[in-house]
């Protein structure tokens, strides 16, 4: 298991195509990490903001959504924000990426 933490990016690898990220992780960083484009109709900048916009409320632990090739599973949140999210790149996307 490896971690990367700096001012803007906070995540921990828990597999080759899966991470546990903080809600403050920027969507641009997530897109670069997994080489994907996240389609959103909002102005969300962070993973937490994206999930709130997609669900229409602050997500609770256990909430999950699939968007494109990514699965988002909320691990923890409080009444005001998303704290931790498990994010996995789908198997089909992994195969395309390796070709």
N, C-alpha and C. Protein backbone atom coordinates (compact mmCIF):
# COMPACT_ATOMS: atom_id res chain seq x y z
N UNK A 1 0.86 -1.17 0.00
CA UNK A 1 0.00 0.00 0.00
C UNK A 1 0.89 1.22 0.00
N UNK A 2 0.59 2.14 -0.89
CA UNK A 2 1.36 3.37 -0.94
C UNK A 2 0.42 4.56 -0.84
N UNK A 3 0.96 5.68 -0.40
CA UNK A 3 0.17 6.89 -0.24
C UNK A 3 0.84 8.04 -0.94
N UNK A 4 0.01 8.99 -1.35
CA UNK A 4 0.52 10.24 -1.86
C UNK A 4 -0.27 11.33 -1.18
N UNK A 5 0.43 12.25 -0.54
CA UNK A 5 -0.26 13.34 0.13
C UNK A 5 0.52 14.62 -0.13
N UNK A 6 -0.16 15.62 -0.63
CA UNK A 6 0.41 16.95 -0.70
C UNK A 6 -0.72 17.93 -0.47
N UNK A 7 -0.55 19.19 -0.85
CA UNK A 7 -1.57 20.19 -0.55
C UNK A 7 -2.92 19.87 -1.18
N UNK A 8 -2.94 19.37 -2.40
CA UNK A 8 -4.19 19.19 -3.12
C UNK A 8 -4.63 17.75 -3.31
N UNK A 9 -3.71 16.82 -3.29
CA UNK A 9 -4.03 15.43 -3.59
C UNK A 9 -3.87 14.59 -2.33
N UNK A 10 -4.94 13.86 -2.00
CA UNK A 10 -4.86 12.98 -0.84
C UNK A 10 -5.55 11.68 -1.21
N UNK A 11 -4.75 10.64 -1.34
CA UNK A 11 -5.32 9.32 -1.63
C UNK A 11 -4.33 8.24 -1.22
N UNK A 12 -4.85 7.04 -1.07
CA UNK A 12 -4.05 5.87 -0.75
C UNK A 12 -4.42 4.76 -1.72
N UNK A 13 -3.43 4.18 -2.39
CA UNK A 13 -3.71 3.02 -3.24
C UNK A 13 -4.08 1.83 -2.38
N UNK A 14 -5.11 1.10 -2.79
CA UNK A 14 -5.42 -0.16 -2.10
C UNK A 14 -5.49 -1.29 -3.12
N UNK A 15 -5.01 -1.04 -4.31
CA UNK A 15 -4.92 -1.99 -5.40
C UNK A 15 -4.41 -1.23 -6.61
N UNK A 16 -4.16 -1.92 -7.71
CA UNK A 16 -3.58 -1.23 -8.87
C UNK A 16 -4.53 -0.22 -9.49
N UNK A 17 -5.82 -0.44 -9.38
CA UNK A 17 -6.79 0.48 -9.97
C UNK A 17 -7.87 0.87 -8.98
N UNK A 18 -7.48 0.98 -7.72
CA UNK A 18 -8.44 1.40 -6.70
C UNK A 18 -7.72 2.20 -5.63
N UNK A 19 -8.42 3.23 -5.15
CA UNK A 19 -7.86 4.11 -4.14
C UNK A 19 -8.90 4.42 -3.07
N UNK A 20 -8.42 4.90 -1.96
CA UNK A 20 -9.27 5.53 -0.96
C UNK A 20 -8.84 6.99 -0.96
N UNK A 21 -9.80 7.87 -1.23
CA UNK A 21 -9.51 9.29 -1.39
C UNK A 21 -10.28 10.12 -0.38
N UNK A 22 -9.74 11.26 -0.04
CA UNK A 22 -10.47 12.23 0.75
C UNK A 22 -11.46 12.96 -0.13
N UNK A 23 -12.52 13.47 0.46
CA UNK A 23 -13.52 14.20 -0.30
C UNK A 23 -12.98 15.46 -0.95
N UNK A 24 -11.84 15.96 -0.46
CA UNK A 24 -11.25 17.18 -1.01
C UNK A 24 -10.35 16.91 -2.21
N UNK A 25 -10.19 15.65 -2.60
CA UNK A 25 -9.37 15.35 -3.78
C UNK A 25 -10.00 16.03 -4.99
N UNK A 26 -9.19 16.71 -5.78
CA UNK A 26 -9.71 17.41 -6.95
C UNK A 26 -10.03 16.43 -8.07
N UNK A 27 -11.13 16.71 -8.77
CA UNK A 27 -11.55 15.84 -9.88
C UNK A 27 -10.47 15.76 -10.95
N UNK A 28 -9.78 16.87 -11.23
CA UNK A 28 -8.70 16.85 -12.23
C UNK A 28 -7.62 15.85 -11.86
N UNK A 29 -7.28 15.80 -10.58
CA UNK A 29 -6.26 14.85 -10.12
C UNK A 29 -6.74 13.42 -10.28
N UNK A 30 -8.01 13.18 -9.98
CA UNK A 30 -8.58 11.84 -10.14
C UNK A 30 -8.59 11.43 -11.61
N UNK A 31 -8.98 12.36 -12.48
CA UNK A 31 -8.99 12.07 -13.92
C UNK A 31 -7.59 11.73 -14.41
N UNK A 32 -6.60 12.48 -13.98
CA UNK A 32 -5.21 12.21 -14.38
C UNK A 32 -4.70 10.89 -13.83
N UNK A 33 -5.06 10.58 -12.60
CA UNK A 33 -4.61 9.35 -11.97
C UNK A 33 -5.09 8.11 -12.71
N UNK A 34 -6.37 8.10 -13.11
CA UNK A 34 -6.96 6.94 -13.77
C UNK A 34 -7.07 7.10 -15.29
N UNK A 35 -6.59 8.22 -15.83
CA UNK A 35 -6.66 8.48 -17.27
C UNK A 35 -8.10 8.36 -17.78
N UNK A 36 -9.02 9.08 -17.12
CA UNK A 36 -10.43 9.08 -17.48
C UNK A 36 -10.93 10.52 -17.53
N UNK A 37 -12.11 10.70 -18.09
CA UNK A 37 -12.79 11.99 -18.08
C UNK A 37 -14.09 11.81 -17.33
N UNK A 38 -14.31 12.60 -16.29
CA UNK A 38 -15.54 12.53 -15.50
C UNK A 38 -16.50 13.57 -16.04
N UNK A 39 -17.62 13.10 -16.57
CA UNK A 39 -18.64 13.99 -17.11
C UNK A 39 -19.50 14.50 -15.96
N UNK A 40 -19.60 15.81 -15.84
CA UNK A 40 -20.43 16.40 -14.80
C UNK A 40 -21.13 17.63 -15.34
N UNK A 41 -22.37 17.83 -14.91
CA UNK A 41 -23.12 19.00 -15.36
C UNK A 41 -22.99 20.14 -14.36
N UNK A 42 -22.21 19.93 -13.32
CA UNK A 42 -22.05 20.96 -12.29
C UNK A 42 -20.67 21.59 -12.39
N UNK A 43 -20.41 22.50 -11.50
CA UNK A 43 -19.09 23.13 -11.43
C UNK A 43 -18.24 22.51 -10.32
N UNK A 44 -18.54 21.28 -9.95
CA UNK A 44 -17.81 20.62 -8.86
C UNK A 44 -16.33 20.53 -9.19
N UNK A 45 -15.52 20.77 -8.19
CA UNK A 45 -14.07 20.73 -8.33
C UNK A 45 -13.49 19.53 -7.60
N UNK A 46 -14.16 19.09 -6.52
CA UNK A 46 -13.65 18.00 -5.70
C UNK A 46 -14.52 16.76 -5.83
N UNK A 47 -13.97 15.63 -5.40
CA UNK A 47 -14.73 14.37 -5.39
C UNK A 47 -15.97 14.52 -4.52
N UNK A 48 -15.82 15.11 -3.34
CA UNK A 48 -16.96 15.30 -2.45
C UNK A 48 -18.04 16.16 -3.08
N UNK A 49 -17.65 17.25 -3.71
CA UNK A 49 -18.61 18.13 -4.38
C UNK A 49 -19.31 17.42 -5.53
N UNK A 50 -18.56 16.64 -6.28
CA UNK A 50 -19.13 15.87 -7.39
C UNK A 50 -20.19 14.89 -6.87
N UNK A 51 -19.86 14.16 -5.80
CA UNK A 51 -20.81 13.19 -5.25
C UNK A 51 -22.06 13.88 -4.70
N UNK A 52 -21.89 15.02 -4.05
CA UNK A 52 -23.05 15.76 -3.55
C UNK A 52 -23.95 16.20 -4.70
N UNK A 53 -23.35 16.69 -5.77
CA UNK A 53 -24.14 17.12 -6.93
C UNK A 53 -24.85 15.94 -7.58
N UNK A 54 -24.17 14.82 -7.71
CA UNK A 54 -24.76 13.65 -8.35
C UNK A 54 -25.92 13.07 -7.54
N UNK A 55 -25.79 13.07 -6.22
CA UNK A 55 -26.81 12.48 -5.36
C UNK A 55 -27.86 13.48 -4.91
N UNK A 56 -27.58 14.77 -5.06
CA UNK A 56 -28.54 15.79 -4.66
C UNK A 56 -28.58 16.05 -3.17
N UNK A 57 -27.63 15.48 -2.44
CA UNK A 57 -27.53 15.67 -0.99
C UNK A 57 -26.14 15.25 -0.56
N UNK A 58 -25.83 15.51 0.70
CA UNK A 58 -24.54 15.05 1.22
C UNK A 58 -24.61 13.54 1.38
N UNK A 59 -23.73 12.82 0.71
CA UNK A 59 -23.77 11.35 0.77
C UNK A 59 -23.53 10.83 2.18
N UNK A 60 -24.10 9.68 2.46
CA UNK A 60 -23.88 8.99 3.73
C UNK A 60 -22.97 7.79 3.47
N UNK A 61 -22.33 7.31 4.50
CA UNK A 61 -21.50 6.11 4.38
C UNK A 61 -22.36 4.99 3.80
N UNK A 62 -21.81 4.31 2.80
CA UNK A 62 -22.54 3.22 2.15
C UNK A 62 -23.16 3.62 0.82
N UNK A 63 -23.31 4.92 0.58
CA UNK A 63 -23.84 5.37 -0.72
C UNK A 63 -22.84 5.04 -1.81
N UNK A 64 -23.34 4.61 -2.96
CA UNK A 64 -22.42 4.35 -4.07
C UNK A 64 -23.06 4.75 -5.39
N UNK A 65 -22.20 5.16 -6.31
CA UNK A 65 -22.65 5.48 -7.66
C UNK A 65 -21.59 5.02 -8.65
N UNK A 66 -22.04 4.71 -9.83
CA UNK A 66 -21.16 4.40 -10.96
C UNK A 66 -21.27 5.54 -11.95
N UNK A 67 -20.16 6.08 -12.37
CA UNK A 67 -20.14 7.11 -13.40
C UNK A 67 -19.03 6.77 -14.37
N UNK A 68 -19.43 6.54 -15.61
CA UNK A 68 -18.44 6.15 -16.61
C UNK A 68 -17.76 4.87 -16.19
N UNK A 69 -16.46 4.88 -16.14
CA UNK A 69 -15.71 3.67 -15.78
C UNK A 69 -15.33 3.63 -14.30
N UNK A 70 -15.89 4.54 -13.50
CA UNK A 70 -15.52 4.61 -12.09
C UNK A 70 -16.68 4.24 -11.16
N UNK A 71 -16.35 3.52 -10.11
CA UNK A 71 -17.28 3.23 -9.01
C UNK A 71 -16.84 4.08 -7.82
N UNK A 72 -17.79 4.81 -7.25
CA UNK A 72 -17.54 5.61 -6.05
C UNK A 72 -18.35 5.01 -4.91
N UNK A 73 -17.71 4.71 -3.78
CA UNK A 73 -18.38 4.14 -2.61
C UNK A 73 -17.98 4.98 -1.40
N UNK A 74 -18.95 5.66 -0.81
CA UNK A 74 -18.66 6.56 0.31
C UNK A 74 -18.37 5.75 1.57
N UNK A 75 -17.19 5.95 2.13
CA UNK A 75 -16.78 5.25 3.35
C UNK A 75 -17.16 6.02 4.60
N UNK A 76 -17.04 7.34 4.56
CA UNK A 76 -17.42 8.15 5.72
C UNK A 76 -17.75 9.57 5.29
N UNK A 77 -18.66 10.17 6.06
CA UNK A 77 -19.05 11.55 5.83
C UNK A 77 -19.56 12.11 7.15
N UNK A 78 -19.71 13.42 7.20
CA UNK A 78 -20.38 14.04 8.34
C UNK A 78 -21.50 14.91 7.77
N UNK A 79 -22.25 15.61 8.58
CA UNK A 79 -23.40 16.36 8.04
C UNK A 79 -23.04 17.44 7.02
N UNK A 80 -21.77 17.83 6.93
CA UNK A 80 -21.39 18.91 6.03
C UNK A 80 -20.51 18.52 4.87
N UNK A 81 -19.94 17.31 4.89
CA UNK A 81 -18.98 16.98 3.83
C UNK A 81 -18.72 15.48 3.74
N UNK A 82 -18.15 15.12 2.61
CA UNK A 82 -17.69 13.75 2.39
C UNK A 82 -16.26 13.67 2.93
N UNK A 83 -15.99 12.66 3.73
CA UNK A 83 -14.65 12.51 4.30
C UNK A 83 -13.78 11.54 3.50
N UNK A 84 -14.27 10.30 3.29
CA UNK A 84 -13.47 9.29 2.58
C UNK A 84 -14.34 8.55 1.58
N UNK A 85 -13.72 8.26 0.43
CA UNK A 85 -14.42 7.57 -0.65
C UNK A 85 -13.50 6.50 -1.24
N UNK A 86 -14.05 5.32 -1.44
CA UNK A 86 -13.35 4.25 -2.16
C UNK A 86 -13.69 4.46 -3.64
N UNK A 87 -12.69 4.48 -4.49
CA UNK A 87 -12.89 4.69 -5.93
C UNK A 87 -12.17 3.58 -6.68
N UNK A 88 -12.89 2.93 -7.61
CA UNK A 88 -12.31 1.83 -8.38
C UNK A 88 -12.57 2.05 -9.86
N UNK A 89 -11.54 1.79 -10.66
CA UNK A 89 -11.66 1.81 -12.11
C UNK A 89 -12.20 0.46 -12.55
N UNK A 90 -13.23 0.46 -13.39
CA UNK A 90 -13.88 -0.78 -13.84
C UNK A 90 -12.91 -1.65 -14.64
N UNK A 91 -13.15 -2.95 -14.61
CA UNK A 91 -12.29 -3.92 -15.29
C UNK A 91 -12.18 -3.65 -16.78
N UNK A 92 -13.28 -3.30 -17.44
CA UNK A 92 -13.26 -3.02 -18.88
C UNK A 92 -12.34 -1.85 -19.18
N UNK A 93 -12.37 -0.83 -18.35
CA UNK A 93 -11.51 0.33 -18.55
C UNK A 93 -10.05 -0.04 -18.34
N UNK A 94 -9.77 -0.92 -17.39
CA UNK A 94 -8.40 -1.36 -17.16
C UNK A 94 -7.85 -2.07 -18.39
N UNK A 95 -8.68 -2.92 -19.00
CA UNK A 95 -8.23 -3.65 -20.20
C UNK A 95 -7.93 -2.68 -21.33
N UNK A 96 -8.78 -1.67 -21.54
CA UNK A 96 -8.54 -0.69 -22.60
C UNK A 96 -7.27 0.09 -22.32
N UNK A 97 -7.05 0.44 -21.07
CA UNK A 97 -5.88 1.22 -20.69
C UNK A 97 -4.59 0.46 -20.93
N UNK A 98 -4.60 -0.86 -20.76
CA UNK A 98 -3.40 -1.68 -20.91
C UNK A 98 -3.09 -2.03 -22.36
N UNK A 99 -3.99 -1.77 -23.29
CA UNK A 99 -3.75 -2.12 -24.70
C UNK A 99 -2.81 -1.15 -25.36
